Amino acid sequence: MTLLKMKFTQQRRVRLAQGLWLLSWLAVMGGTFIFCLGVYLKIELLHRNEVMESTEIHVVPNIMMIAGLTSIFTNWVAGRVCQDSLDASRFPRWKVLLLGWFAVATLVCCLLVTVVVLSYALQGSLEESLKIGLRNGIRFYKDTDVPGRCFQKETIDRLQMEFRCCGNNNFKDWFEVQWVSSRYLDFTSKEVKDRIRSNVDGRYLLDGVPFSCCNPTSPRPCLQYRLTDNSAHYNYEYQTEELNLYSRGCRQALTDYYMDLMNSTGPGVLSVVLIQLSVIMSLRYLQTSVEAAMALENPEGDSEGYLLEKGLKETFENLKASALGMLKFGQINPSTEDSPAAPDAEKAAADTITEKAASPTPAS
């Protein structure tokens, strides 16, 4: 049973070709948009790569760039097919290539849908990657003299100021690490000695944060040290002083930023998918209607176009059988390797026995 059969006159085929030509170039612009969006997201992820433990999230922009470039190429080809569709001498050359075109265009749609799904599915992976990366960044904040870590302080400070955040989960994360380099500590000072001795690991811990945690909207000058001591500062209460420092952690800030960025691409990506599906369906109608007209040897006469020559179930079964046939053709059957030689060996043995039986026995 033919799926979604339609009748086309010569005028309708011409209009379909013209509309498809415009739609294919709209899809080319959509592919360009997807590619540029993938490049932008890739750059943003690479910009914060120092505070990420894994690069699993990079699969989203990578797929977007691949799908965007493929969409540009396939829809450019669709535009060329439209130009040749009404020329009986030029259209037949596309007949073999169109099967591959439909497969590639369908793959592009699947990739774009995968991008939308992964944008939501990888949120947990992104959060975990930022959690570990920021924890290491805070721990290595003081290592400004260590090769490979000398820019870690600048990265964390810029990050906290740009995203208006502090620490990994909150500003208390700075209380658990020594973020002041030993080269800036006076080990002859009693306070420094007492702090180091009071710690099991011999680290210089204090209830303070770097300057980049200070909130510029606070009405009072920033308080960085002795934050848990209410008596250390005038008119200060540790539990209620919310404006002094950024209260949000950088992990949550970065997660929200990247998830908003990826989720905002969802409507645009789905719009490109709908355009791509429209191009596939329109080109299929154009192909089948033109081929039917050419088969009747009347390119200007009426013809019928359809999406599938058979129903969905029958088409799926045929594709499945073709795929299994290709897989079986590519396999090597070990039993067949020796089969040509086996009859030959049996024939040679039979001939030898016959020759021995026919030969005279020598006299004793």
Protein backbone atom coordinates (compact mmCIF):
# COMPACT_ATOMS: atom_id res chain seq x y z
CA MET A 1 0.00 0.00 0.00
CA THR A 2 1.50 3.33 -1.09
CA LEU A 3 1.90 5.86 1.72
CA LEU A 4 0.42 9.38 1.27
CA LYS A 5 -0.05 9.29 -2.49
CA MET A 6 -0.75 12.62 -4.23
CA LYS A 7 -1.49 13.62 -7.81
CA PHE A 8 0.74 16.20 -9.46
CA THR A 9 0.22 18.16 -12.64
CA GLN A 10 3.10 19.80 -14.48
CA GLN A 11 2.25 23.14 -12.86
CA ARG A 12 2.17 21.63 -9.36
CA ARG A 13 5.55 19.98 -9.93
CA VAL A 14 7.01 23.30 -10.97
CA ARG A 15 5.60 25.03 -7.90
CA LEU A 16 6.84 22.21 -5.68
CA ALA A 17 10.33 22.54 -7.15
CA GLN A 18 10.33 26.32 -6.65
CA GLY A 19 9.06 26.09 -3.09
CA LEU A 20 11.53 23.33 -2.28
CA TRP A 21 14.39 25.42 -3.67
CA LEU A 22 13.50 28.27 -1.28
CA LEU A 23 13.01 25.82 1.61
CA SER A 24 16.37 24.16 0.96
CA TRP A 25 18.19 27.48 1.16
CA LEU A 26 16.30 28.29 4.34
CA ALA A 27 17.58 24.96 5.67
CA VAL A 28 21.12 25.95 4.59
CA MET A 29 20.81 29.07 6.74
CA GLY A 30 19.46 26.92 9.56
CA GLY A 31 22.48 24.62 9.26
CA THR A 32 24.76 27.66 9.37
CA PHE A 33 22.97 28.81 12.52
CA ILE A 34 23.44 25.38 14.15
CA PHE A 35 27.13 25.34 13.23
CA CYS A 36 27.75 28.85 14.61
CA LEU A 37 25.84 27.96 17.76
CA GLY A 38 28.02 24.88 18.23
CA VAL A 39 31.20 26.91 17.74
CA TYR A 40 30.05 29.50 20.30
CA LEU A 41 29.18 26.83 22.87
CA LYS A 42 32.49 25.07 22.23
CA ILE A 43 34.43 28.29 22.83
CA GLU A 44 32.50 28.95 26.04
CA LEU A 45 33.27 25.47 27.35
CA LEU A 46 36.95 25.74 26.42
CA HIS A 47 37.08 29.13 28.14
CA ARG A 48 36.21 27.44 31.47
CA ASN A 49 38.06 24.21 30.76
CA GLU A 50 40.44 24.78 33.70
CA VAL A 51 37.61 24.36 36.20
CA MET A 52 36.14 21.26 34.56
CA GLU A 53 37.31 17.77 35.37
CA SER A 54 35.93 15.98 32.28
CA THR A 55 35.15 16.97 28.72
CA GLU A 56 32.05 14.80 28.30
CA ILE A 57 29.84 17.85 27.87
CA HIS A 58 31.85 18.79 24.76
CA VAL A 59 29.93 16.13 22.83
CA VAL A 60 26.99 18.57 22.52
CA PRO A 61 28.82 21.33 20.57
CA ASN A 62 30.76 18.70 18.60
CA ILE A 63 27.53 17.11 17.35
CA MET A 64 26.07 20.53 16.62
CA MET A 65 29.04 21.49 14.44
CA ILE A 66 28.99 18.17 12.56
CA ALA A 67 25.22 18.33 12.04
CA GLY A 68 25.41 21.97 10.97
CA LEU A 69 28.06 21.36 8.31
CA THR A 70 26.27 18.25 7.04
CA SER A 71 22.98 20.14 6.87
CA ILE A 72 24.58 22.90 4.82
CA PHE A 73 25.94 20.40 2.30
CA THR A 74 22.82 18.23 2.01
CA ASN A 75 20.46 21.17 1.54
CA TRP A 76 22.76 22.72 -1.03
CA VAL A 77 22.48 19.43 -2.93
CA ALA A 78 18.69 19.58 -2.55
CA GLY A 79 18.72 23.01 -4.19
CA ARG A 80 20.67 21.62 -7.13
CA VAL A 81 18.21 18.73 -7.47
CA CYS A 82 15.34 21.23 -7.65
CA GLN A 83 17.02 23.04 -10.51
CA ASP A 84 17.45 19.79 -12.46
CA SER A 85 14.10 18.23 -11.56
CA LEU A 86 12.25 19.54 -14.62
CA ASP A 87 15.01 18.74 -17.07
CA ALA A 88 14.51 15.23 -18.43
CA SER A 89 18.13 15.00 -19.54
CA ARG A 90 19.72 16.08 -16.22
CA PHE A 91 17.44 14.67 -13.51
CA PRO A 92 18.24 10.93 -14.04
CA ARG A 93 21.81 11.45 -12.84
CA TRP A 94 20.45 12.19 -9.34
CA LYS A 95 18.42 8.97 -9.12
CA VAL A 96 21.20 6.89 -7.54
CA LEU A 97 22.55 9.68 -5.33
CA LEU A 98 19.17 10.57 -3.83
CA LEU A 99 19.01 7.35 -1.81
CA GLY A 100 22.22 8.33 0.00
CA TRP A 101 20.93 11.89 0.31
CA PHE A 102 17.79 10.76 2.16
CA ALA A 103 19.91 8.65 4.52
CA VAL A 104 22.26 11.55 5.31
CA ALA A 105 19.43 14.07 5.74
CA THR A 106 17.62 11.70 8.11
CA LEU A 107 20.85 11.24 10.06
CA VAL A 108 21.13 15.04 10.43
CA CYS A 109 17.65 15.16 11.96
CA CYS A 110 18.54 12.35 14.37
CA LEU A 111 21.74 14.17 15.40
CA LEU A 112 19.87 17.40 16.07
CA VAL A 113 17.28 15.60 18.20
CA THR A 114 20.15 13.92 20.05
CA VAL A 115 21.60 17.37 20.80
CA VAL A 116 18.34 18.46 22.45
CA VAL A 117 18.18 15.25 24.52
CA LEU A 118 21.83 15.46 25.61
CA SER A 119 21.43 19.10 26.62
CA TYR A 120 19.14 17.93 29.42
CA ALA A 121 20.67 14.50 30.06
CA LEU A 122 24.22 15.75 30.69
CA GLN A 123 23.31 18.23 33.42
CA GLY A 124 24.39 15.81 36.15
CA SER A 125 27.69 15.12 34.37
CA LEU A 126 28.32 18.86 33.98
CA GLU A 127 27.62 19.49 37.65
CA GLU A 128 29.96 16.72 38.78
CA SER A 129 32.69 17.92 36.42
CA LEU A 130 32.43 21.48 37.75
CA LYS A 131 32.34 20.26 41.34
CA ILE A 132 35.66 18.42 41.01
CA GLY A 133 37.25 21.08 38.81
CA LEU A 134 36.37 23.96 41.13
CA ARG A 135 37.48 21.99 44.19
CA ASN A 136 40.89 21.47 42.59
CA GLY A 137 41.02 25.10 41.47
CA ILE A 138 40.43 26.35 45.01
CA ARG A 139 42.98 23.91 46.38
CA PHE A 140 45.65 25.06 43.92
CA TYR A 141 44.76 28.74 44.27
CA LYS A 142 47.92 29.46 46.25
CA ASP A 143 50.32 27.63 43.87
CA THR A 144 51.30 30.70 41.87
CA ASP A 145 54.91 29.46 41.64
CA VAL A 146 54.07 25.93 40.49
CA PRO A 147 54.33 25.30 36.71
CA GLY A 148 50.94 24.49 35.24
CA ARG A 149 49.09 26.10 38.15
CA CYS A 150 50.48 29.63 38.12
CA PHE A 151 47.36 31.02 36.41
CA GLN A 152 44.91 29.21 38.66
CA LYS A 153 44.57 32.16 41.03
CA GLU A 154 43.76 34.56 38.21
CA THR A 155 41.26 32.11 36.74
CA ILE A 156 39.39 31.65 40.02
CA ASP A 157 39.38 35.37 40.84
CA ARG A 158 38.07 36.32 37.40
CA LEU A 159 35.48 33.56 37.59
CA GLN A 160 34.15 34.69 40.97
CA MET A 161 33.95 38.31 39.91
CA GLU A 162 32.36 37.59 36.52
CA PHE A 163 29.71 35.17 37.78
CA ARG A 164 29.27 36.91 41.15
CA CYS A 165 29.90 33.74 43.10
CA CYS A 166 32.22 32.49 45.84
CA GLY A 167 33.72 29.08 46.46
CA ASN A 168 32.48 25.78 45.14
CA ASN A 169 29.19 25.44 47.05
CA ASN A 170 29.52 28.69 49.05
CA PHE A 171 32.16 30.95 50.60
CA LYS A 172 32.76 28.49 53.46
CA ASP A 173 34.72 26.28 51.07
CA TRP A 174 37.64 28.70 51.45
CA PHE A 175 37.74 27.96 55.19
CA GLU A 176 38.78 24.35 54.46
CA VAL A 177 41.87 25.01 52.31
CA GLN A 178 45.06 26.99 52.66
CA TRP A 179 44.61 29.58 49.92
CA VAL A 180 47.43 31.89 51.08
CA SER A 181 50.84 30.90 49.71
CA SER A 182 53.55 30.05 52.26
CA ARG A 183 55.86 32.62 50.71
CA TYR A 184 53.57 35.35 52.06
CA LEU A 185 53.38 33.97 55.59
CA ASP A 186 55.58 35.23 58.41
CA PHE A 187 56.56 32.04 60.22
CA THR A 188 58.10 34.06 63.05
CA SER A 189 54.66 35.40 63.91
CA LYS A 190 52.94 33.77 66.86
CA GLU A 191 49.54 33.89 65.15
CA VAL A 192 50.84 32.05 62.09
CA LYS A 193 52.57 29.42 64.24
CA ASP A 194 49.45 28.87 66.33
CA ARG A 195 47.24 28.43 63.27
CA ILE A 196 49.62 25.93 61.70
CA ARG A 197 50.03 23.96 64.93
CA SER A 198 46.29 23.87 65.52
CA ASN A 199 45.78 22.05 62.22
CA VAL A 200 46.42 18.32 61.93
CA ASP A 201 47.89 18.63 58.42
CA GLY A 202 49.99 21.67 59.32
CA ARG A 203 48.05 24.00 57.01
CA TYR A 204 47.40 27.68 57.51
CA LEU A 205 43.60 27.83 57.67
CA LEU A 206 41.58 30.91 58.43
CA ASP A 207 37.99 32.03 58.27
CA GLY A 208 38.63 34.35 55.34
CA VAL A 209 38.11 34.52 51.59
CA PRO A 210 39.91 36.12 48.61
CA PHE A 211 39.00 39.64 47.57
CA SER A 212 37.12 38.36 44.51
CA CYS A 213 34.34 37.09 46.80
CA CYS A 214 33.47 40.61 47.91
CA ASN A 215 30.10 41.89 46.79
CA PRO A 216 30.41 45.47 45.45
CA THR A 217 26.74 46.15 46.27
CA SER A 218 27.47 45.83 50.00
CA PRO A 219 26.99 49.15 51.82
CA ARG A 220 30.04 48.56 53.99
CA PRO A 221 33.69 47.94 53.08
CA CYS A 222 34.35 44.31 52.35
CA LEU A 223 35.24 42.07 55.26
CA GLN A 224 37.52 39.23 54.14
CA TYR A 225 38.98 37.91 57.39
CA ARG A 226 37.63 36.67 60.71
CA LEU A 227 34.22 36.29 59.12
CA THR A 228 32.83 34.01 61.82
CA ASP A 229 33.86 36.33 64.69
CA ASN A 230 31.11 38.84 65.40
CA SER A 231 33.27 40.71 67.92
CA ALA A 232 36.05 41.29 65.40
CA HIS A 233 34.04 43.88 63.46
CA TYR A 234 31.81 46.73 64.56
CA ASN A 235 28.09 46.32 63.93
CA TYR A 236 28.61 42.91 62.38
CA GLU A 237 26.59 39.71 62.67
CA TYR A 238 27.93 36.64 60.94
CA GLN A 239 24.55 34.97 60.40
CA THR A 240 22.75 37.98 58.89
CA GLU A 241 25.49 39.77 56.94
CA GLU A 242 24.42 38.57 53.50
CA LEU A 243 25.57 41.42 51.28
CA ASN A 244 29.20 41.38 52.36
CA LEU A 245 30.11 38.35 50.17
CA TYR A 246 28.54 36.55 47.25
CA SER A 247 26.25 33.91 48.69
CA ARG A 248 25.98 31.70 45.61
CA GLY A 249 28.58 29.04 44.88
CA CYS A 250 30.41 29.04 41.55
CA ARG A 251 29.36 25.48 40.73
CA GLN A 252 25.70 26.45 40.78
CA ALA A 253 26.41 29.67 38.90
CA LEU A 254 28.32 27.92 36.11
CA THR A 255 25.81 25.06 35.89
CA ASP A 256 22.93 27.51 35.53
CA TYR A 257 24.87 29.49 32.92
CA TYR A 258 25.72 26.51 30.71
CA MET A 259 22.34 24.83 31.10
CA ASP A 260 20.53 28.06 30.20
CA LEU A 261 22.84 28.39 27.21
CA MET A 262 22.22 24.84 25.99
CA ASN A 263 18.51 24.78 26.78
CA SER A 264 17.98 28.08 24.95
CA THR A 265 19.28 26.40 21.80
CA GLY A 266 16.52 23.79 22.00
CA PRO A 267 13.76 25.76 20.19
CA GLY A 268 16.20 26.83 17.46
CA VAL A 269 17.47 23.29 16.95
CA LEU A 270 13.93 21.85 16.82
CA SER A 271 12.95 24.53 14.29
CA VAL A 272 15.83 23.45 12.05
CA VAL A 273 14.70 19.82 12.46
CA LEU A 274 11.19 20.73 11.25
CA ILE A 275 12.63 22.58 8.25
CA GLN A 276 14.89 19.63 7.44
CA LEU A 277 11.96 17.20 7.64
CA SER A 278 9.96 19.45 5.32
CA VAL A 279 12.82 19.40 2.82
CA ILE A 280 13.01 15.58 2.99
CA MET A 281 9.27 15.11 2.43
CA SER A 282 9.07 17.70 -0.35
CA LEU A 283 12.07 16.28 -2.17
CA ARG A 284 10.61 12.77 -1.91
CA TYR A 285 7.34 13.95 -3.50
CA LEU A 286 9.27 15.77 -6.21
CA GLN A 287 11.46 12.75 -6.93
CA THR A 288 8.64 10.22 -7.18
CA SER A 289 6.34 12.49 -9.22
CA VAL A 290 9.06 13.38 -11.72
CA GLU A 291 10.19 9.76 -12.06
CA ALA A 292 6.55 8.66 -12.63
CA ALA A 293 6.13 11.28 -15.35
CA MET A 294 9.37 10.17 -17.02
CA ALA A 295 8.30 6.53 -16.81
CA LEU A 296 5.10 7.43 -18.74
CA GLU A 297 7.33 9.13 -21.35
CA ASN A 298 5.33 12.30 -20.85
CA PRO A 299 7.36 14.78 -18.75
CA GLU A 300 4.60 17.39 -19.01
CA GLY A 301 1.72 15.07 -18.13
CA ASP A 302 0.09 14.25 -14.81
CA SER A 303 1.80 11.89 -12.40
CA GLU A 304 1.52 10.55 -8.88
CA GLY A 305 3.97 11.17 -6.06
CA TYR A 306 4.27 9.45 -2.70
CA LEU A 307 6.46 9.23 0.38
CA LEU A 308 6.82 5.45 0.51
CA GLU A 309 6.07 2.94 -2.19
CA LYS A 310 4.78 0.54 0.49
CA GLY A 311 3.45 0.92 4.01
CA LEU A 312 5.61 1.68 7.03
CA LYS A 313 5.65 -1.93 8.22
CA GLU A 314 6.50 -3.37 4.81
CA THR A 315 9.16 -0.75 4.19
CA PHE A 316 10.73 -1.45 7.58
CA GLU A 317 10.74 -5.19 6.89
CA ASN A 318 12.37 -4.65 3.49
CA LEU A 319 15.05 -2.41 4.98
CA LYS A 320 15.66 -4.93 7.74
CA ALA A 321 15.99 -7.76 5.22
CA SER A 322 18.38 -5.69 3.09
CA ALA A 323 20.52 -4.83 6.10
CA LEU A 324 20.68 -8.47 7.21
CA GLY A 325 21.54 -9.51 3.69
CA MET A 326 24.40 -7.03 3.57
CA LEU A 327 25.69 -8.28 6.93
CA LYS A 328 25.55 -11.91 5.80
CA PHE A 329 27.31 -11.01 2.56
CA GLY A 330 30.13 -9.39 4.50
CA GLN A 331 30.62 -12.41 6.78
CA ILE A 332 33.04 -15.24 5.97
CA ASN A 333 31.70 -18.76 6.49
CA PRO A 334 34.56 -21.00 7.67
CA SER A 335 32.87 -24.11 6.29
CA THR A 336 32.83 -22.67 2.79
CA GLU A 337 36.55 -22.02 2.73
CA ASP A 338 37.35 -25.73 2.36
CA SER A 339 34.21 -26.73 0.40
CA PRO A 340 35.68 -26.17 -3.09
CA ALA A 341 38.76 -28.24 -2.22
CA ALA A 342 36.82 -31.08 -0.56
CA PRO A 343 35.17 -32.44 -3.73
CA ASP A 344 38.48 -32.22 -5.55
CA ALA A 345 40.23 -34.24 -2.84
CA GLU A 346 37.49 -36.88 -2.85
CA LYS A 347 37.63 -37.11 -6.65
CA ALA A 348 41.43 -37.50 -6.60
CA ALA A 349 41.20 -40.28 -3.99
CA ALA A 350 38.55 -42.11 -6.04
CA ASP A 351 40.71 -41.89 -9.17
CA THR A 352 43.70 -43.30 -7.30
CA ILE A 353 41.69 -46.28 -6.06
CA THR A 354 40.37 -46.93 -9.56
CA GLU A 355 43.85 -46.78 -11.07
CA LYS A 356 45.20 -49.25 -8.50
CA ALA A 357 42.31 -51.63 -9.13
CA ALA A 358 42.78 -51.50 -12.91
CA SER A 359 46.56 -51.95 -12.89
CA PRO A 360 47.86 -55.58 -13.32
CA THR A 361 49.43 -57.29 -10.33
CA PRO A 362 53.15 -57.96 -10.92
CA ALA A 363 54.21 -61.61 -11.09
CA SER A 364 56.10 -62.96 -8.17
